[in-house]
Amino acid sequence: MYPNAHQRLCIEGELNIYTAAEWKKRLDDLIAQGEDLELDLGGVQELDTAGLQLLIMAKKETSLRNQQLRLANHSPAVLEVFALCDLAVMFGDPVPL
């Protein structure tokens, strides 16, 4: 865990079209608290474009609020999508792709 992260959310299972609305509500609630946020992606078994859009939305929303969003413990499913879409740099992730 990053030392300055005040909120931490472990995302497990699928982050896809079927679960995005549920995860969005949880992320919106945490972002609204105004603290930096760390997302532990180690339990993500599937990531599709809806899940990817959700992560991008969270990054943009935290940036607008001068908060930090950190992604940690990337699962193989997340690494695969990030590599395919060349998104690690956008999130500022120091992950080997």
C-alpha atoms as a PDB file:
ATOM      1  CA  MET A   1       0.000   0.000   0.000  1.00  0.00           C
ATOM      2  CA  TYR A   2       1.215   3.494  -0.766  1.00  0.00           C
ATOM      3  CA  PRO A   3       2.005   5.462   2.408  1.00  0.00           C
ATOM      4  CA  ASN A   4      -0.110   8.536   1.548  1.00  0.00           C
ATOM      5  CA  ALA A   5      -3.252   6.691   0.442  1.00  0.00           C
ATOM      6  CA  HIS A   6      -6.094   7.420   2.839  1.00  0.00           C
ATOM      7  CA  GLN A   7      -8.747   5.217   1.247  1.00  0.00           C
ATOM      8  CA  ARG A   8      -8.150   1.750  -0.159  1.00  0.00           C
ATOM      9  CA  LEU A   9     -10.513  -0.379  -2.200  1.00  0.00           C
ATOM     10  CA  CYS A  10      -9.809  -3.967  -3.212  1.00  0.00           C
ATOM     11  CA  ILE A  11     -11.545  -4.801  -6.464  1.00  0.00           C
ATOM     12  CA  GLU A  12     -12.135  -8.512  -6.855  1.00  0.00           C
ATOM     13  CA  GLY A  13     -13.724 -10.671  -9.514  1.00  0.00           C
ATOM     14  CA  GLU A  14     -15.005  -9.105 -12.685  1.00  0.00           C
ATOM     15  CA  LEU A  15     -14.702  -5.424 -13.537  1.00  0.00           C
ATOM     16  CA  ASN A  16     -16.906  -5.435 -16.599  1.00  0.00           C
ATOM     17  CA  ILE A  17     -20.210  -4.361 -18.129  1.00  0.00           C
ATOM     18  CA  TYR A  18     -22.134  -6.445 -15.595  1.00  0.00           C
ATOM     19  CA  THR A  19     -20.436  -5.044 -12.488  1.00  0.00           C
ATOM     20  CA  ALA A  20     -19.393  -1.522 -13.555  1.00  0.00           C
ATOM     21  CA  ALA A  21     -22.461   0.241 -12.106  1.00  0.00           C
ATOM     22  CA  GLU A  22     -21.904  -1.320  -8.687  1.00  0.00           C
ATOM     23  CA  TRP A  23     -18.197  -0.460  -8.664  1.00  0.00           C
ATOM     24  CA  LYS A  24     -18.943   3.069  -9.948  1.00  0.00           C
ATOM     25  CA  LYS A  25     -21.166   3.784  -6.963  1.00  0.00           C
ATOM     26  CA  ARG A  26     -18.497   2.584  -4.560  1.00  0.00           C
ATOM     27  CA  LEU A  27     -15.802   4.624  -6.310  1.00  0.00           C
ATOM     28  CA  ASP A  28     -17.988   7.741  -6.452  1.00  0.00           C
ATOM     29  CA  ASP A  29     -18.643   7.460  -2.710  1.00  0.00           C
ATOM     30  CA  LEU A  30     -14.937   7.136  -1.912  1.00  0.00           C
ATOM     31  CA  ILE A  31     -13.881   9.925  -4.275  1.00  0.00           C
ATOM     32  CA  ALA A  32     -16.516  12.228  -2.748  1.00  0.00           C
ATOM     33  CA  GLN A  33     -14.815  11.848   0.637  1.00  0.00           C
ATOM     34  CA  GLY A  34     -11.980  13.973  -0.747  1.00  0.00           C
ATOM     35  CA  GLU A  35      -9.067  11.757   0.197  1.00  0.00           C
ATOM     36  CA  ASP A  36      -6.449  10.088  -1.951  1.00  0.00           C
ATOM     37  CA  LEU A  37      -7.477   6.659  -3.141  1.00  0.00           C
ATOM     38  CA  GLU A  38      -5.648   3.416  -3.794  1.00  0.00           C
ATOM     39  CA  LEU A  39      -7.260   0.668  -5.849  1.00  0.00           C
ATOM     40  CA  ASP A  40      -5.903  -2.821  -5.277  1.00  0.00           C
ATOM     41  CA  LEU A  41      -6.443  -4.632  -8.575  1.00  0.00           C
ATOM     42  CA  GLY A  42      -4.888  -7.935  -7.522  1.00  0.00           C
ATOM     43  CA  GLY A  43      -8.222  -9.750  -7.422  1.00  0.00           C
ATOM     44  CA  VAL A  44      -9.499  -8.592 -10.814  1.00  0.00           C
ATOM     45  CA  GLN A  45     -10.107 -11.692 -12.921  1.00  0.00           C
ATOM     46  CA  GLU A  46     -11.655  -9.945 -15.922  1.00  0.00           C
ATOM     47  CA  LEU A  47     -11.429  -6.374 -17.205  1.00  0.00           C
ATOM     48  CA  ASP A  48     -13.398  -5.211 -20.237  1.00  0.00           C
ATOM     49  CA  THR A  49     -13.958  -1.796 -21.816  1.00  0.00           C
ATOM     50  CA  ALA A  50     -16.662  -0.877 -19.295  1.00  0.00           C
ATOM     51  CA  GLY A  51     -14.262  -1.582 -16.444  1.00  0.00           C
ATOM     52  CA  LEU A  52     -11.515   0.292 -18.220  1.00  0.00           C
ATOM     53  CA  GLN A  53     -13.820   3.288 -18.693  1.00  0.00           C
ATOM     54  CA  LEU A  54     -14.561   3.188 -14.982  1.00  0.00           C
ATOM     55  CA  LEU A  55     -10.863   3.329 -14.098  1.00  0.00           C
ATOM     56  CA  ILE A  56     -10.336   6.208 -16.540  1.00  0.00           C
ATOM     57  CA  MET A  57     -13.330   8.057 -15.066  1.00  0.00           C
ATOM     58  CA  ALA A  58     -11.938   7.589 -11.559  1.00  0.00           C
ATOM     59  CA  LYS A  59      -8.550   8.919 -12.680  1.00  0.00           C
ATOM     60  CA  LYS A  60     -10.117  11.999 -14.288  1.00  0.00           C
ATOM     61  CA  GLU A  61     -12.451  12.682 -11.357  1.00  0.00           C
ATOM     62  CA  THR A  62      -9.690  12.442  -8.761  1.00  0.00           C
ATOM     63  CA  SER A  63      -7.473  14.710 -10.875  1.00  0.00           C
ATOM     64  CA  LEU A  64     -10.233  17.325 -11.078  1.00  0.00           C
ATOM     65  CA  ARG A  65     -10.489  17.237  -7.284  1.00  0.00           C
ATOM     66  CA  ASN A  66      -6.703  17.438  -6.773  1.00  0.00           C
ATOM     67  CA  GLN A  67      -6.717  13.950  -5.305  1.00  0.00           C
ATOM     68  CA  GLN A  68      -4.360  11.107  -6.105  1.00  0.00           C
ATOM     69  CA  LEU A  69      -5.527   7.815  -7.565  1.00  0.00           C
ATOM     70  CA  ARG A  70      -3.039   4.988  -7.260  1.00  0.00           C
ATOM     71  CA  LEU A  71      -3.441   1.563  -8.782  1.00  0.00           C
ATOM     72  CA  ALA A  72      -1.677  -1.293  -7.016  1.00  0.00           C
ATOM     73  CA  ASN A  73      -1.124  -5.023  -7.239  1.00  0.00           C
ATOM     74  CA  HIS A  74      -2.194  -5.344 -10.877  1.00  0.00           C
ATOM     75  CA  SER A  75      -3.598  -8.771 -11.741  1.00  0.00           C
ATOM     76  CA  PRO A  76      -2.588 -10.520 -14.974  1.00  0.00           C
ATOM     77  CA  ALA A  77      -5.979  -9.573 -16.470  1.00  0.00           C
ATOM     78  CA  VAL A  78      -5.364  -5.884 -15.750  1.00  0.00           C
ATOM     79  CA  LEU A  79      -1.795  -6.010 -17.048  1.00  0.00           C
ATOM     80  CA  GLU A  80      -2.987  -7.622 -20.270  1.00  0.00           C
ATOM     81  CA  VAL A  81      -5.551  -4.895 -20.970  1.00  0.00           C
ATOM     82  CA  PHE A  82      -3.177  -2.088 -19.970  1.00  0.00           C
ATOM     83  CA  ALA A  83      -0.522  -3.472 -22.311  1.00  0.00           C
ATOM     84  CA  LEU A  84      -3.018  -3.899 -25.135  1.00  0.00           C
ATOM     85  CA  CYS A  85      -4.284  -0.330 -24.754  1.00  0.00           C
ATOM     86  CA  ASP A  86      -0.916   1.190 -23.728  1.00  0.00           C
ATOM     87  CA  LEU A  87      -2.466   2.777 -20.636  1.00  0.00           C
ATOM     88  CA  ALA A  88       0.098   2.267 -17.880  1.00  0.00           C
ATOM     89  CA  VAL A  89       1.611   5.692 -18.552  1.00  0.00           C
ATOM     90  CA  MET A  90      -1.782   7.405 -18.359  1.00  0.00           C
ATOM     91  CA  PHE A  91      -2.293   6.048 -14.859  1.00  0.00           C
ATOM     92  CA  GLY A  92       1.310   6.744 -13.876  1.00  0.00           C
ATOM     93  CA  ASP A  93       1.795   3.094 -13.072  1.00  0.00           C
ATOM     94  CA  PRO A  94       5.295   1.786 -12.491  1.00  0.00           C
ATOM     95  CA  VAL A  95       4.355  -1.703 -13.692  1.00  0.00           C
ATOM     96  CA  PRO A  96       6.364  -3.861 -16.057  1.00  0.00           C
ATOM     97  CA  LEU A  97       4.297  -4.627 -19.132  1.00  0.00           C
END
